[in-house]
Amino acid sequence: MFQSEERKVGERGQVTIPKELREKLDIHGGDEVIIHEEDGKITIEKPVSRDELAEGYRQYAESSEALAEEMADVSREADQYHDDAPDW
């Protein structure tokens, strides 16, 4: 985990992101970042790339498909036991 450290703001409002954080977050010179304020704090984020977004959707679709298959299996199993239920 990165330890916080103080940085000076330059005349033009520039602040250097510490090397350890740039390496950890894979941020390089020329990369775009998102800067926003929330609850009096400034947050700098690396935007999600199209490839990362597509991968996230792919993983979600796979997990949804696996869940649907599991639910179908459970439903078939329940149908088998339903036939064994007593007629009260």
N, C-alpha and C. Protein backbone atom coordinates (compact mmCIF):
# COMPACT_ATOMS: atom_id res chain seq x y z
N MET A 1 0.84 -1.17 0.00
CA MET A 1 0.00 0.00 0.00
C MET A 1 0.88 1.24 0.00
N PHE A 2 0.49 2.22 -0.76
CA PHE A 2 1.26 3.45 -0.90
C PHE A 2 1.09 4.33 0.32
N GLN A 3 2.20 4.82 0.83
CA GLN A 3 2.17 5.79 1.93
C GLN A 3 1.96 7.17 1.33
N SER A 4 1.13 7.97 1.96
CA SER A 4 0.88 9.31 1.43
C SER A 4 2.12 10.17 1.59
N GLU A 5 2.24 11.15 0.74
CA GLU A 5 3.34 12.10 0.83
C GLU A 5 2.88 13.44 0.30
N GLU A 6 3.52 14.49 0.80
CA GLU A 6 3.16 15.83 0.37
C GLU A 6 3.87 16.16 -0.93
N ARG A 7 3.16 16.91 -1.78
CA ARG A 7 3.71 17.39 -3.04
C ARG A 7 3.37 18.85 -3.17
N LYS A 8 4.26 19.62 -3.77
CA LYS A 8 3.98 21.04 -4.01
C LYS A 8 3.24 21.20 -5.32
N VAL A 9 2.30 22.13 -5.31
CA VAL A 9 1.59 22.48 -6.53
C VAL A 9 2.39 23.57 -7.21
N GLY A 10 2.68 23.35 -8.49
CA GLY A 10 3.45 24.32 -9.26
C GLY A 10 2.63 25.56 -9.59
N GLU A 11 3.30 26.54 -10.15
CA GLU A 11 2.66 27.82 -10.50
C GLU A 11 1.45 27.61 -11.42
N ARG A 12 1.52 26.63 -12.28
CA ARG A 12 0.42 26.38 -13.24
C ARG A 12 -0.56 25.34 -12.72
N GLY A 13 -0.48 24.99 -11.42
CA GLY A 13 -1.41 24.05 -10.83
C GLY A 13 -1.03 22.59 -11.04
N GLN A 14 0.18 22.33 -11.50
CA GLN A 14 0.60 20.97 -11.77
C GLN A 14 1.16 20.28 -10.53
N VAL A 15 0.86 18.98 -10.41
CA VAL A 15 1.36 18.14 -9.33
C VAL A 15 1.88 16.86 -9.98
N THR A 16 3.04 16.39 -9.55
CA THR A 16 3.58 15.14 -10.09
C THR A 16 3.04 13.96 -9.29
N ILE A 17 2.50 12.98 -10.00
CA ILE A 17 2.03 11.75 -9.36
C ILE A 17 3.27 10.93 -9.01
N PRO A 18 3.41 10.49 -7.76
CA PRO A 18 4.60 9.72 -7.38
C PRO A 18 4.83 8.50 -8.27
N LYS A 19 6.09 8.23 -8.55
CA LYS A 19 6.47 7.13 -9.45
C LYS A 19 5.86 5.80 -9.01
N GLU A 20 5.87 5.52 -7.71
CA GLU A 20 5.33 4.26 -7.20
C GLU A 20 3.86 4.09 -7.59
N LEU A 21 3.10 5.17 -7.49
CA LEU A 21 1.68 5.11 -7.87
C LEU A 21 1.51 4.99 -9.38
N ARG A 22 2.33 5.73 -10.15
CA ARG A 22 2.24 5.62 -11.61
C ARG A 22 2.52 4.20 -12.07
N GLU A 23 3.53 3.58 -11.47
CA GLU A 23 3.86 2.20 -11.85
C GLU A 23 2.76 1.24 -11.42
N LYS A 24 2.27 1.40 -10.20
CA LYS A 24 1.23 0.52 -9.68
C LYS A 24 -0.04 0.59 -10.53
N LEU A 25 -0.40 1.80 -10.98
CA LEU A 25 -1.63 2.00 -11.73
C LEU A 25 -1.41 2.02 -13.24
N ASP A 26 -0.18 1.74 -13.66
CA ASP A 26 0.18 1.69 -15.09
C ASP A 26 -0.17 3.00 -15.81
N ILE A 27 0.23 4.11 -15.20
CA ILE A 27 0.03 5.44 -15.78
C ILE A 27 1.36 5.92 -16.33
N HIS A 28 1.34 6.33 -17.60
CA HIS A 28 2.57 6.79 -18.28
C HIS A 28 2.37 8.20 -18.80
N GLY A 29 3.48 8.88 -19.08
CA GLY A 29 3.41 10.21 -19.65
C GLY A 29 2.55 10.21 -20.90
N GLY A 30 1.64 11.15 -21.01
CA GLY A 30 0.75 11.23 -22.16
C GLY A 30 -0.59 10.53 -21.94
N ASP A 31 -0.70 9.69 -20.90
CA ASP A 31 -1.97 9.03 -20.59
C ASP A 31 -2.97 10.07 -20.09
N GLU A 32 -4.23 9.79 -20.33
CA GLU A 32 -5.29 10.65 -19.80
C GLU A 32 -5.72 10.13 -18.44
N VAL A 33 -6.12 11.03 -17.56
CA VAL A 33 -6.65 10.67 -16.25
C VAL A 33 -7.94 11.46 -16.04
N ILE A 34 -8.75 10.99 -15.12
CA ILE A 34 -9.99 11.69 -14.76
C ILE A 34 -9.76 12.32 -13.39
N ILE A 35 -10.05 13.60 -13.28
CA ILE A 35 -9.87 14.32 -12.02
C ILE A 35 -11.23 14.86 -11.59
N HIS A 36 -11.63 14.56 -10.37
CA HIS A 36 -12.89 15.10 -9.87
C HIS A 36 -12.78 15.35 -8.37
N GLU A 37 -13.72 16.17 -7.89
CA GLU A 37 -13.77 16.53 -6.47
C GLU A 37 -14.96 15.82 -5.86
N GLU A 38 -14.75 15.26 -4.67
CA GLU A 38 -15.82 14.59 -3.95
C GLU A 38 -15.58 14.78 -2.46
N ASP A 39 -16.55 15.37 -1.79
CA ASP A 39 -16.47 15.60 -0.35
C ASP A 39 -15.19 16.34 0.05
N GLY A 40 -14.82 17.34 -0.74
CA GLY A 40 -13.66 18.16 -0.42
C GLY A 40 -12.32 17.49 -0.73
N LYS A 41 -12.34 16.36 -1.44
CA LYS A 41 -11.10 15.66 -1.80
C LYS A 41 -10.98 15.60 -3.31
N ILE A 42 -9.76 15.72 -3.79
CA ILE A 42 -9.49 15.61 -5.22
C ILE A 42 -9.09 14.16 -5.50
N THR A 43 -9.76 13.57 -6.49
CA THR A 43 -9.48 12.19 -6.86
C THR A 43 -8.96 12.15 -8.29
N ILE A 44 -7.90 11.39 -8.51
CA ILE A 44 -7.36 11.19 -9.85
C ILE A 44 -7.51 9.71 -10.18
N GLU A 45 -8.16 9.42 -11.29
CA GLU A 45 -8.40 8.03 -11.69
C GLU A 45 -7.90 7.78 -13.10
N LYS A 46 -7.49 6.56 -13.33
CA LYS A 46 -7.16 6.14 -14.69
C LYS A 46 -8.47 5.68 -15.33
N PRO A 47 -8.83 6.22 -16.49
CA PRO A 47 -10.09 5.80 -17.11
C PRO A 47 -10.04 4.34 -17.54
N VAL A 48 -11.20 3.72 -17.62
CA VAL A 48 -11.30 2.34 -18.08
C VAL A 48 -11.20 2.34 -19.60
N SER A 49 -10.31 1.49 -20.13
CA SER A 49 -10.15 1.42 -21.59
C SER A 49 -11.29 0.60 -22.19
N ARG A 50 -11.47 0.72 -23.48
CA ARG A 50 -12.50 -0.07 -24.17
C ARG A 50 -12.24 -1.56 -24.00
N ASP A 51 -10.97 -1.96 -24.06
CA ASP A 51 -10.62 -3.38 -23.90
C ASP A 51 -10.98 -3.87 -22.50
N GLU A 52 -10.67 -3.06 -21.47
CA GLU A 52 -11.01 -3.44 -20.10
C GLU A 52 -12.52 -3.51 -19.91
N LEU A 53 -13.23 -2.58 -20.50
CA LEU A 53 -14.69 -2.57 -20.40
C LEU A 53 -15.27 -3.81 -21.10
N ALA A 54 -14.76 -4.11 -22.29
CA ALA A 54 -15.24 -5.29 -23.02
C ALA A 54 -14.96 -6.56 -22.24
N GLU A 55 -13.81 -6.66 -21.62
CA GLU A 55 -13.45 -7.83 -20.82
C GLU A 55 -14.39 -7.96 -19.62
N GLY A 56 -14.73 -6.86 -19.00
CA GLY A 56 -15.66 -6.88 -17.88
C GLY A 56 -17.03 -7.38 -18.31
N TYR A 57 -17.51 -6.91 -19.46
CA TYR A 57 -18.79 -7.38 -19.97
C TYR A 57 -18.74 -8.87 -20.32
N ARG A 58 -17.61 -9.31 -20.88
CA ARG A 58 -17.46 -10.72 -21.24
C ARG A 58 -17.52 -11.59 -19.99
N GLN A 59 -16.81 -11.18 -18.94
CA GLN A 59 -16.82 -11.94 -17.69
C GLN A 59 -18.21 -11.96 -17.06
N TYR A 60 -18.92 -10.84 -17.13
CA TYR A 60 -20.28 -10.78 -16.59
C TYR A 60 -21.20 -11.72 -17.35
N ALA A 61 -21.07 -11.73 -18.68
CA ALA A 61 -21.91 -12.61 -19.50
C ALA A 61 -21.62 -14.08 -19.19
N GLU A 62 -20.34 -14.42 -19.01
CA GLU A 62 -19.99 -15.80 -18.68
C GLU A 62 -20.55 -16.21 -17.32
N SER A 63 -20.46 -15.32 -16.34
CA SER A 63 -20.98 -15.66 -15.01
C SER A 63 -22.50 -15.76 -15.04
N SER A 64 -23.16 -14.92 -15.83
CA SER A 64 -24.62 -14.98 -15.95
C SER A 64 -25.03 -16.28 -16.63
N GLU A 65 -24.28 -16.69 -17.64
CA GLU A 65 -24.57 -17.94 -18.34
C GLU A 65 -24.39 -19.13 -17.40
N ALA A 66 -23.33 -19.11 -16.60
CA ALA A 66 -23.08 -20.20 -15.65
C ALA A 66 -24.20 -20.26 -14.61
N LEU A 67 -24.66 -19.11 -14.15
CA LEU A 67 -25.75 -19.08 -13.18
C LEU A 67 -27.04 -19.62 -13.80
N ALA A 68 -27.32 -19.25 -15.04
CA ALA A 68 -28.53 -19.74 -15.71
C ALA A 68 -28.47 -21.26 -15.86
N GLU A 69 -27.30 -21.79 -16.20
CA GLU A 69 -27.15 -23.25 -16.33
C GLU A 69 -27.37 -23.93 -14.98
N GLU A 70 -26.81 -23.36 -13.91
CA GLU A 70 -26.97 -23.93 -12.58
C GLU A 70 -28.45 -23.92 -12.16
N MET A 71 -29.14 -22.83 -12.45
CA MET A 71 -30.55 -22.73 -12.10
C MET A 71 -31.38 -23.76 -12.88
N ALA A 72 -31.03 -23.98 -14.14
CA ALA A 72 -31.74 -24.97 -14.94
C ALA A 72 -31.52 -26.37 -14.37
N ASP A 73 -30.29 -26.66 -13.95
CA ASP A 73 -30.00 -27.96 -13.34
C ASP A 73 -30.80 -28.16 -12.06
N VAL A 74 -30.86 -27.16 -11.23
CA VAL A 74 -31.60 -27.24 -9.97
C VAL A 74 -33.09 -27.42 -10.26
N SER A 75 -33.58 -26.73 -11.27
CA SER A 75 -34.98 -26.84 -11.64
C SER A 75 -35.31 -28.26 -12.11
N ARG A 76 -34.42 -28.84 -12.94
CA ARG A 76 -34.63 -30.22 -13.39
C ARG A 76 -34.61 -31.18 -12.21
N GLU A 77 -33.69 -30.97 -11.29
CA GLU A 77 -33.61 -31.83 -10.10
C GLU A 77 -34.88 -31.70 -9.26
N ALA A 78 -35.37 -30.48 -9.11
CA ALA A 78 -36.60 -30.27 -8.33
C ALA A 78 -37.78 -30.96 -9.01
N ASP A 79 -37.82 -30.91 -10.36
CA ASP A 79 -38.90 -31.58 -11.08
C ASP A 79 -38.89 -33.09 -10.82
N GLN A 80 -37.70 -33.67 -10.73
CA GLN A 80 -37.60 -35.11 -10.45
C GLN A 80 -38.18 -35.44 -9.08
N TYR A 81 -37.87 -34.63 -8.08
CA TYR A 81 -38.36 -34.88 -6.73
C TYR A 81 -39.83 -34.53 -6.59
N HIS A 82 -40.31 -33.63 -7.43
CA HIS A 82 -41.71 -33.23 -7.37
C HIS A 82 -42.62 -34.43 -7.66
N ASP A 83 -42.18 -35.28 -8.57
CA ASP A 83 -42.97 -36.47 -8.89
C ASP A 83 -43.09 -37.43 -7.71
N ASP A 84 -42.12 -37.35 -6.77
CA ASP A 84 -42.13 -38.23 -5.60
C ASP A 84 -42.94 -37.66 -4.43
N ALA A 85 -43.46 -36.46 -4.58
CA ALA A 85 -44.18 -35.80 -3.48
C ALA A 85 -45.51 -36.50 -3.22
N PRO A 86 -45.90 -36.62 -1.94
CA PRO A 86 -47.18 -37.27 -1.63
C PRO A 86 -48.36 -36.39 -2.03
N ASP A 87 -49.45 -36.99 -2.37
CA ASP A 87 -50.67 -36.27 -2.73
C ASP A 87 -51.55 -36.10 -1.49
N TRP A 88 -51.31 -35.14 -0.66
CA TRP A 88 -52.06 -34.94 0.58
C TRP A 88 -53.33 -34.31 0.29
